[in-house]
Structure formats: C-alpha cells, structure tokens
C-alpha cells in the first residue's frame, strides 16, 4: 500500500489496518516457529507497512487533524 493511500484513510481505518497488519505479523512468526513459512520476504514488507501506518498516524496527531469523519 502506498503512503498516499494511507494518508487518505481516517483514524478508524488506520487503527483497523494496523491491527490487521500486527495480526499478520504474529501469524508469520507462528508459521516460522513451526517451520511452515514459505515467503520469508513478507516479514520485511509487513514491518515496513506497519512503520508507514504509524508514521502517518503520528503526523495526523501532530497536526491535530483528527479525520474520523472523513
């Protein structure tokens, strides 16, 4: 997902996306521990995506622009 797409999201959508990404990262860690992981590059992708979402979320908080309504 591109940063532009993330910036267009509301805070509720960002929180939901962040939760989903963290769940996927947990799932990947679990697969790795069991030896079932096939796509190891996905770790890096998910971590970067989480960082992007957190960065945009922090930018929104600094601006004071709570975009819950859209």
PDB file of N, CA and C in Angstrom:
ATOM      1  N   UNK A   1       0.837  -1.168   0.000  1.00  0.00           N
ATOM      2  CA  UNK A   1       0.000   0.000   0.000  1.00  0.00           C
ATOM      3  C   UNK A   1       0.889   1.239   0.000  1.00  0.00           C
ATOM      4  N   UNK A   2       0.539   2.202  -0.785  1.00  0.00           N
ATOM      5  CA  UNK A   2       1.315   3.428  -0.916  1.00  0.00           C
ATOM      6  C   UNK A   2       0.971   4.390   0.221  1.00  0.00           C
ATOM      7  N   UNK A   3       1.902   5.282   0.519  1.00  0.00           N
ATOM      8  CA  UNK A   3       1.707   6.261   1.590  1.00  0.00           C
ATOM      9  C   UNK A   3       0.533   7.180   1.257  1.00  0.00           C
ATOM     10  N   UNK A   4       0.386   7.511  -0.002  1.00  0.00           N
ATOM     11  CA  UNK A   4      -0.722   8.376  -0.420  1.00  0.00           C
ATOM     12  C   UNK A   4      -2.065   7.736  -0.051  1.00  0.00           C
ATOM     13  N   UNK A   5      -2.187   6.442  -0.270  1.00  0.00           N
ATOM     14  CA  UNK A   5      -3.420   5.727   0.070  1.00  0.00           C
ATOM     15  C   UNK A   5      -3.637   5.723   1.578  1.00  0.00           C
ATOM     16  N   UNK A   6      -2.559   5.570   2.319  1.00  0.00           N
ATOM     17  CA  UNK A   6      -2.660   5.533   3.778  1.00  0.00           C
ATOM     18  C   UNK A   6      -3.082   6.900   4.314  1.00  0.00           C
ATOM     19  N   UNK A   7      -2.543   7.968   3.732  1.00  0.00           N
ATOM     20  CA  UNK A   7      -2.871   9.324   4.194  1.00  0.00           C
ATOM     21  C   UNK A   7      -4.326   9.679   3.951  1.00  0.00           C
ATOM     22  N   UNK A   8      -4.971   9.038   3.000  1.00  0.00           N
ATOM     23  CA  UNK A   8      -6.367   9.311   2.693  1.00  0.00           C
ATOM     24  C   UNK A   8      -7.318   8.596   3.652  1.00  0.00           C
ATOM     25  N   UNK A   9      -6.797   7.733   4.489  1.00  0.00           N
ATOM     26  CA  UNK A   9      -7.632   6.963   5.417  1.00  0.00           C
ATOM     27  C   UNK A   9      -7.968   7.774   6.666  1.00  0.00           C
ATOM     28  N   UNK A  10      -9.056   7.393   7.322  1.00  0.00           N
ATOM     29  CA  UNK A  10      -9.427   8.010   8.590  1.00  0.00           C
ATOM     30  C   UNK A  10      -8.667   7.314   9.712  1.00  0.00           C
ATOM     31  N   UNK A  11      -8.727   7.878  10.910  1.00  0.00           N
ATOM     32  CA  UNK A  11      -8.021   7.285  12.043  1.00  0.00           C
ATOM     33  C   UNK A  11      -8.597   5.911  12.388  1.00  0.00           C
ATOM     34  N   UNK A  12      -9.896   5.751  12.224  1.00  0.00           N
ATOM     35  CA  UNK A  12     -10.521   4.450  12.494  1.00  0.00           C
ATOM     36  C   UNK A  12      -9.999   3.407  11.512  1.00  0.00           C
ATOM     37  N   UNK A  13      -9.906   3.786  10.242  1.00  0.00           N
ATOM     38  CA  UNK A  13      -9.390   2.868   9.234  1.00  0.00           C
ATOM     39  C   UNK A  13      -7.917   2.551   9.482  1.00  0.00           C
ATOM     40  N   UNK A  14      -7.152   3.554   9.909  1.00  0.00           N
ATOM     41  CA  UNK A  14      -5.735   3.331  10.208  1.00  0.00           C
ATOM     42  C   UNK A  14      -5.565   2.365  11.368  1.00  0.00           C
ATOM     43  N   UNK A  15      -6.367   2.533  12.411  1.00  0.00           N
ATOM     44  CA  UNK A  15      -6.292   1.623  13.555  1.00  0.00           C
ATOM     45  C   UNK A  15      -6.648   0.205  13.137  1.00  0.00           C
ATOM     46  N   UNK A  16      -7.651   0.068  12.298  1.00  0.00           N
ATOM     47  CA  UNK A  16      -8.063  -1.248  11.826  1.00  0.00           C
ATOM     48  C   UNK A  16      -6.954  -1.888  10.978  1.00  0.00           C
ATOM     49  N   UNK A  17      -6.361  -1.101  10.093  1.00  0.00           N
ATOM     50  CA  UNK A  17      -5.274  -1.602   9.249  1.00  0.00           C
ATOM     51  C   UNK A  17      -4.075  -2.013  10.088  1.00  0.00           C
ATOM     52  N   UNK A  18      -3.738  -1.204  11.073  1.00  0.00           N
ATOM     53  CA  UNK A  18      -2.608  -1.512  11.949  1.00  0.00           C
ATOM     54  C   UNK A  18      -2.853  -2.814  12.709  1.00  0.00           C
ATOM     55  N   UNK A  19      -4.062  -2.988  13.184  1.00  0.00           N
ATOM     56  CA  UNK A  19      -4.416  -4.219  13.900  1.00  0.00           C
ATOM     57  C   UNK A  19      -4.281  -5.435  12.977  1.00  0.00           C
ATOM     58  N   UNK A  20      -4.774  -5.306  11.751  1.00  0.00           N
ATOM     59  CA  UNK A  20      -4.686  -6.411  10.791  1.00  0.00           C
ATOM     60  C   UNK A  20      -3.235  -6.757  10.457  1.00  0.00           C
ATOM     61  N   UNK A  21      -2.410  -5.720  10.292  1.00  0.00           N
ATOM     62  CA  UNK A  21      -1.002  -5.956   9.974  1.00  0.00           C
ATOM     63  C   UNK A  21      -0.276  -6.641  11.131  1.00  0.00           C
ATOM     64  N   UNK A  22      -0.580  -6.226  12.350  1.00  0.00           N
ATOM     65  CA  UNK A  22       0.052  -6.851  13.512  1.00  0.00           C
ATOM     66  C   UNK A  22      -0.382  -8.309  13.646  1.00  0.00           C
ATOM     67  N   UNK A  23      -1.638  -8.592  13.331  1.00  0.00           N
ATOM     68  CA  UNK A  23      -2.109  -9.979  13.366  1.00  0.00           C
ATOM     69  C   UNK A  23      -1.387 -10.821  12.319  1.00  0.00           C
ATOM     70  N   UNK A  24      -1.194 -10.251  11.125  1.00  0.00           N
ATOM     71  CA  UNK A  24      -0.492 -10.982  10.072  1.00  0.00           C
ATOM     72  C   UNK A  24       0.959 -11.238  10.462  1.00  0.00           C
ATOM     73  N   UNK A  25       1.599 -10.246  11.084  1.00  0.00           N
ATOM     74  CA  UNK A  25       2.980 -10.419  11.533  1.00  0.00           C
ATOM     75  C   UNK A  25       3.063 -11.522  12.586  1.00  0.00           C
ATOM     76  N   UNK A  26       2.112 -11.556  13.503  1.00  0.00           N
ATOM     77  CA  UNK A  26       2.069 -12.611  14.507  1.00  0.00           C
ATOM     78  C   UNK A  26       1.910 -13.975  13.834  1.00  0.00           C
ATOM     79  N   UNK A  27       1.035 -14.033  12.853  1.00  0.00           N
ATOM     80  CA  UNK A  27       0.812 -15.287  12.130  1.00  0.00           C
ATOM     81  C   UNK A  27       2.091 -15.756  11.437  1.00  0.00           C
ATOM     82  N   UNK A  28       2.816 -14.804  10.839  1.00  0.00           N
ATOM     83  CA  UNK A  28       4.075 -15.166  10.177  1.00  0.00           C
ATOM     84  C   UNK A  28       5.095 -15.685  11.184  1.00  0.00           C
ATOM     85  N   UNK A  29       5.162 -15.040  12.338  1.00  0.00           N
ATOM     86  CA  UNK A  29       6.094 -15.513  13.373  1.00  0.00           C
ATOM     87  C   UNK A  29       5.736 -16.920  13.829  1.00  0.00           C
ATOM     88  N   UNK A  30       4.449 -17.184  13.945  1.00  0.00           N
ATOM     89  CA  UNK A  30       3.990 -18.504  14.359  1.00  0.00           C
ATOM     90  C   UNK A  30       4.349 -19.542  13.299  1.00  0.00           C
ATOM     91  N   UNK A  31       4.136 -19.190  12.022  1.00  0.00           N
ATOM     92  CA  UNK A  31       4.489 -20.105  10.936  1.00  0.00           C
ATOM     93  C   UNK A  31       5.988 -20.383  10.928  1.00  0.00           C
ATOM     94  N   UNK A  32       6.788 -19.357  11.187  1.00  0.00           N
ATOM     95  CA  UNK A  32       8.240 -19.529  11.205  1.00  0.00           C
ATOM     96  C   UNK A  32       8.655 -20.484  12.318  1.00  0.00           C
ATOM     97  N   UNK A  33       8.030 -20.341  13.480  1.00  0.00           N
ATOM     98  CA  UNK A  33       8.365 -21.200  14.612  1.00  0.00           C
ATOM     99  C   UNK A  33       8.007 -22.664  14.331  1.00  0.00           C
ATOM    100  N   UNK A  34       6.940 -22.872  13.581  1.00  0.00           N
ATOM    101  CA  UNK A  34       6.521 -24.233  13.260  1.00  0.00           C
ATOM    102  C   UNK A  34       7.246 -24.793  12.042  1.00  0.00           C
ATOM    103  N   UNK A  35       7.953 -23.940  11.328  1.00  0.00           N
ATOM    104  CA  UNK A  35       8.669 -24.397  10.146  1.00  0.00           C
ATOM    105  C   UNK A  35       7.820 -24.427   8.893  1.00  0.00           C
ATOM    106  N   UNK A  36       6.683 -23.727   8.894  1.00  0.00           N
ATOM    107  CA  UNK A  36       5.772 -23.739   7.756  1.00  0.00           C
ATOM    108  C   UNK A  36       5.852 -22.481   6.898  1.00  0.00           C
ATOM    109  N   UNK A  37       6.770 -21.603   7.179  1.00  0.00           N
ATOM    110  CA  UNK A  37       6.850 -20.325   6.478  1.00  0.00           C
ATOM    111  C   UNK A  37       7.436 -20.516   5.084  1.00  0.00           C
ATOM    112  N   UNK A  38       6.728 -20.013   4.080  1.00  0.00           N
ATOM    113  CA  UNK A  38       7.199 -20.155   2.703  1.00  0.00           C
ATOM    114  C   UNK A  38       7.745 -18.845   2.142  1.00  0.00           C
ATOM    115  N   UNK A  39       7.149 -17.714   2.524  1.00  0.00           N
ATOM    116  CA  UNK A  39       7.568 -16.418   1.981  1.00  0.00           C
ATOM    117  C   UNK A  39       8.213 -15.590   3.090  1.00  0.00           C
ATOM    118  N   UNK A  40       9.518 -15.716   3.229  1.00  0.00           N
ATOM    119  CA  UNK A  40      10.218 -15.005   4.304  1.00  0.00           C
ATOM    120  C   UNK A  40      10.311 -13.507   4.041  1.00  0.00           C
ATOM    121  N   UNK A  41      10.218 -13.081   2.804  1.00  0.00           N
ATOM    122  CA  UNK A  41      10.298 -11.658   2.468  1.00  0.00           C
ATOM    123  C   UNK A  41       9.085 -10.893   2.986  1.00  0.00           C
ATOM    124  N   UNK A  42       8.021 -11.595   3.271  1.00  0.00           N
ATOM    125  CA  UNK A  42       6.788 -10.946   3.748  1.00  0.00           C
ATOM    126  C   UNK A  42       7.015 -10.270   5.104  1.00  0.00           C
ATOM    127  N   UNK A  43       7.946 -10.794   5.927  1.00  0.00           N
ATOM    128  CA  UNK A  43       8.281 -10.171   7.215  1.00  0.00           C
ATOM    129  C   UNK A  43       8.667  -8.702   7.009  1.00  0.00           C
ATOM    130  N   UNK A  44       9.595  -8.494   6.092  1.00  0.00           N
ATOM    131  CA  UNK A  44      10.089  -7.150   5.838  1.00  0.00           C
ATOM    132  C   UNK A  44       8.975  -6.252   5.302  1.00  0.00           C
ATOM    133  N   UNK A  45       8.144  -6.766   4.429  1.00  0.00           N
ATOM    134  CA  UNK A  45       7.045  -6.000   3.859  1.00  0.00           C
ATOM    135  C   UNK A  45       6.064  -5.555   4.940  1.00  0.00           C
ATOM    136  N   UNK A  46       5.714  -6.481   5.812  1.00  0.00           N
ATOM    137  CA  UNK A  46       4.744  -6.169   6.867  1.00  0.00           C
ATOM    138  C   UNK A  46       5.325  -5.149   7.840  1.00  0.00           C
ATOM    139  N   UNK A  47       6.588  -5.324   8.234  1.00  0.00           N
ATOM    140  CA  UNK A  47       7.203  -4.374   9.163  1.00  0.00           C
ATOM    141  C   UNK A  47       7.250  -2.971   8.578  1.00  0.00           C
ATOM    142  N   UNK A  48       7.570  -2.862   7.292  1.00  0.00           N
ATOM    143  CA  UNK A  48       7.602  -1.553   6.639  1.00  0.00           C
ATOM    144  C   UNK A  48       6.203  -0.947   6.549  1.00  0.00           C
ATOM    145  N   UNK A  49       5.235  -1.772   6.272  1.00  0.00           N
ATOM    146  CA  UNK A  49       3.848  -1.297   6.190  1.00  0.00           C
ATOM    147  C   UNK A  49       3.378  -0.771   7.548  1.00  0.00           C
ATOM    148  N   UNK A  50       3.717  -1.489   8.612  1.00  0.00           N
ATOM    149  CA  UNK A  50       3.371  -1.040   9.966  1.00  0.00           C
ATOM    150  C   UNK A  50       4.038   0.306  10.251  1.00  0.00           C
ATOM    151  N   UNK A  51       5.291   0.450   9.862  1.00  0.00           N
ATOM    152  CA  UNK A  51       6.008   1.710  10.074  1.00  0.00           C
ATOM    153  C   UNK A  51       5.347   2.850   9.304  1.00  0.00           C
ATOM    154  N   UNK A  52       4.906   2.589   8.093  1.00  0.00           N
ATOM    155  CA  UNK A  52       4.233   3.621   7.299  1.00  0.00           C
ATOM    156  C   UNK A  52       2.951   4.080   7.986  1.00  0.00           C
ATOM    157  N   UNK A  53       2.167   3.119   8.433  1.00  0.00           N
ATOM    158  CA  UNK A  53       0.898   3.452   9.082  1.00  0.00           C
ATOM    159  C   UNK A  53       1.150   4.250  10.353  1.00  0.00           C
ATOM    160  N   UNK A  54       2.117   3.820  11.163  1.00  0.00           N
ATOM    161  CA  UNK A  54       2.419   4.537  12.396  1.00  0.00           C
ATOM    162  C   UNK A  54       2.931   5.948  12.115  1.00  0.00           C
ATOM    163  N   UNK A  55       3.721   6.103  11.061  1.00  0.00           N
ATOM    164  CA  UNK A  55       4.241   7.419  10.699  1.00  0.00           C
ATOM    165  C   UNK A  55       3.110   8.364  10.314  1.00  0.00           C
ATOM    166  N   UNK A  56       2.215   7.901   9.472  1.00  0.00           N
ATOM    167  CA  UNK A  56       1.083   8.737   9.057  1.00  0.00           C
ATOM    168  C   UNK A  56       0.190   9.041  10.254  1.00  0.00           C
ATOM    169  N   UNK A  57      -0.020   8.057  11.094  1.00  0.00           N
ATOM    170  CA  UNK A  57      -0.852   8.252  12.281  1.00  0.00           C
ATOM    171  C   UNK A  57      -0.238   9.327  13.187  1.00  0.00           C
ATOM    172  N   UNK A  58       1.075   9.279  13.387  1.00  0.00           N
ATOM    173  CA  UNK A  58       1.756  10.285  14.212  1.00  0.00           C
ATOM    174  C   UNK A  58       1.713  11.665  13.559  1.00  0.00           C
ATOM    175  N   UNK A  59       1.842  11.724  12.242  1.00  0.00           N
ATOM    176  CA  UNK A  59       1.734  13.003  11.536  1.00  0.00           C
ATOM    177  C   UNK A  59       0.362  13.626  11.757  1.00  0.00           C
ATOM    178  N   UNK A  60      -0.668  12.784  11.702  1.00  0.00           N
ATOM    179  CA  UNK A  60      -2.033  13.271  11.906  1.00  0.00           C
ATOM    180  C   UNK A  60      -2.212  13.794  13.320  1.00  0.00           C
ATOM    181  N   UNK A  61      -1.631  13.116  14.289  1.00  0.00           N
ATOM    182  CA  UNK A  61      -1.747  13.555  15.675  1.00  0.00           C
ATOM    183  C   UNK A  61      -1.020  14.880  15.901  1.00  0.00           C
ATOM    184  N   UNK A  62       0.136  15.055  15.283  1.00  0.00           N
ATOM    185  CA  UNK A  62       0.890  16.296  15.436  1.00  0.00           C
ATOM    186  C   UNK A  62       0.148  17.482  14.826  1.00  0.00           C
ATOM    187  N   UNK A  63      -0.507  17.238  13.695  1.00  0.00           N
ATOM    188  CA  UNK A  63      -1.275  18.288  13.048  1.00  0.00           C
ATOM    189  C   UNK A  63      -2.522  18.630  13.862  1.00  0.00           C
ATOM    190  N   UNK A  64      -2.989  17.677  14.649  1.00  0.00           N
ATOM    191  CA  UNK A  64      -4.234  17.859  15.372  1.00  0.00           C
ATOM    192  C   UNK A  64      -5.430  17.608  14.479  1.00  0.00           C
ATOM    193  N   UNK A  65      -5.159  17.010  13.347  1.00  0.00           N
ATOM    194  CA  UNK A  65      -6.226  16.739  12.365  1.00  0.00           C
ATOM    195  C   UNK A  65      -6.821  15.375  12.568  1.00  0.00           C
ATOM    196  N   UNK A  66      -7.789  15.284  13.438  1.00  0.00           N
ATOM    197  CA  UNK A  66      -8.466  14.010  13.660  1.00  0.00           C
ATOM    198  C   UNK A  66      -9.497  13.843  12.566  1.00  0.00           C
ATOM    199  N   UNK A  67      -9.266  12.906  11.644  1.00  0.00           N
ATOM    200  CA  UNK A  67     -10.110  12.751  10.483  1.00  0.00           C
ATOM    201  C   UNK A  67     -11.101  11.608  10.637  1.00  0.00           C
ATOM    202  N   UNK A  68     -11.819  11.565  11.724  1.00  0.00           N
ATOM    203  CA  UNK A  68     -12.740  10.461  11.945  1.00  0.00           C
ATOM    204  C   UNK A  68     -13.925  10.523  11.006  1.00  0.00           C
ATOM    205  N   UNK A  69     -14.323  11.717  10.601  1.00  0.00           N
ATOM    206  CA  UNK A  69     -15.484  11.855   9.735  1.00  0.00           C
ATOM    207  C   UNK A  69     -15.135  11.754   8.260  1.00  0.00           C
ATOM    208  N   UNK A  70     -13.877  11.776   7.925  1.00  0.00           N
ATOM    209  CA  UNK A  70     -13.503  11.595   6.531  1.00  0.00           C
ATOM    210  C   UNK A  70     -12.750  12.682   6.011  1.00  0.00           C
TER     211      UNK A  70
END
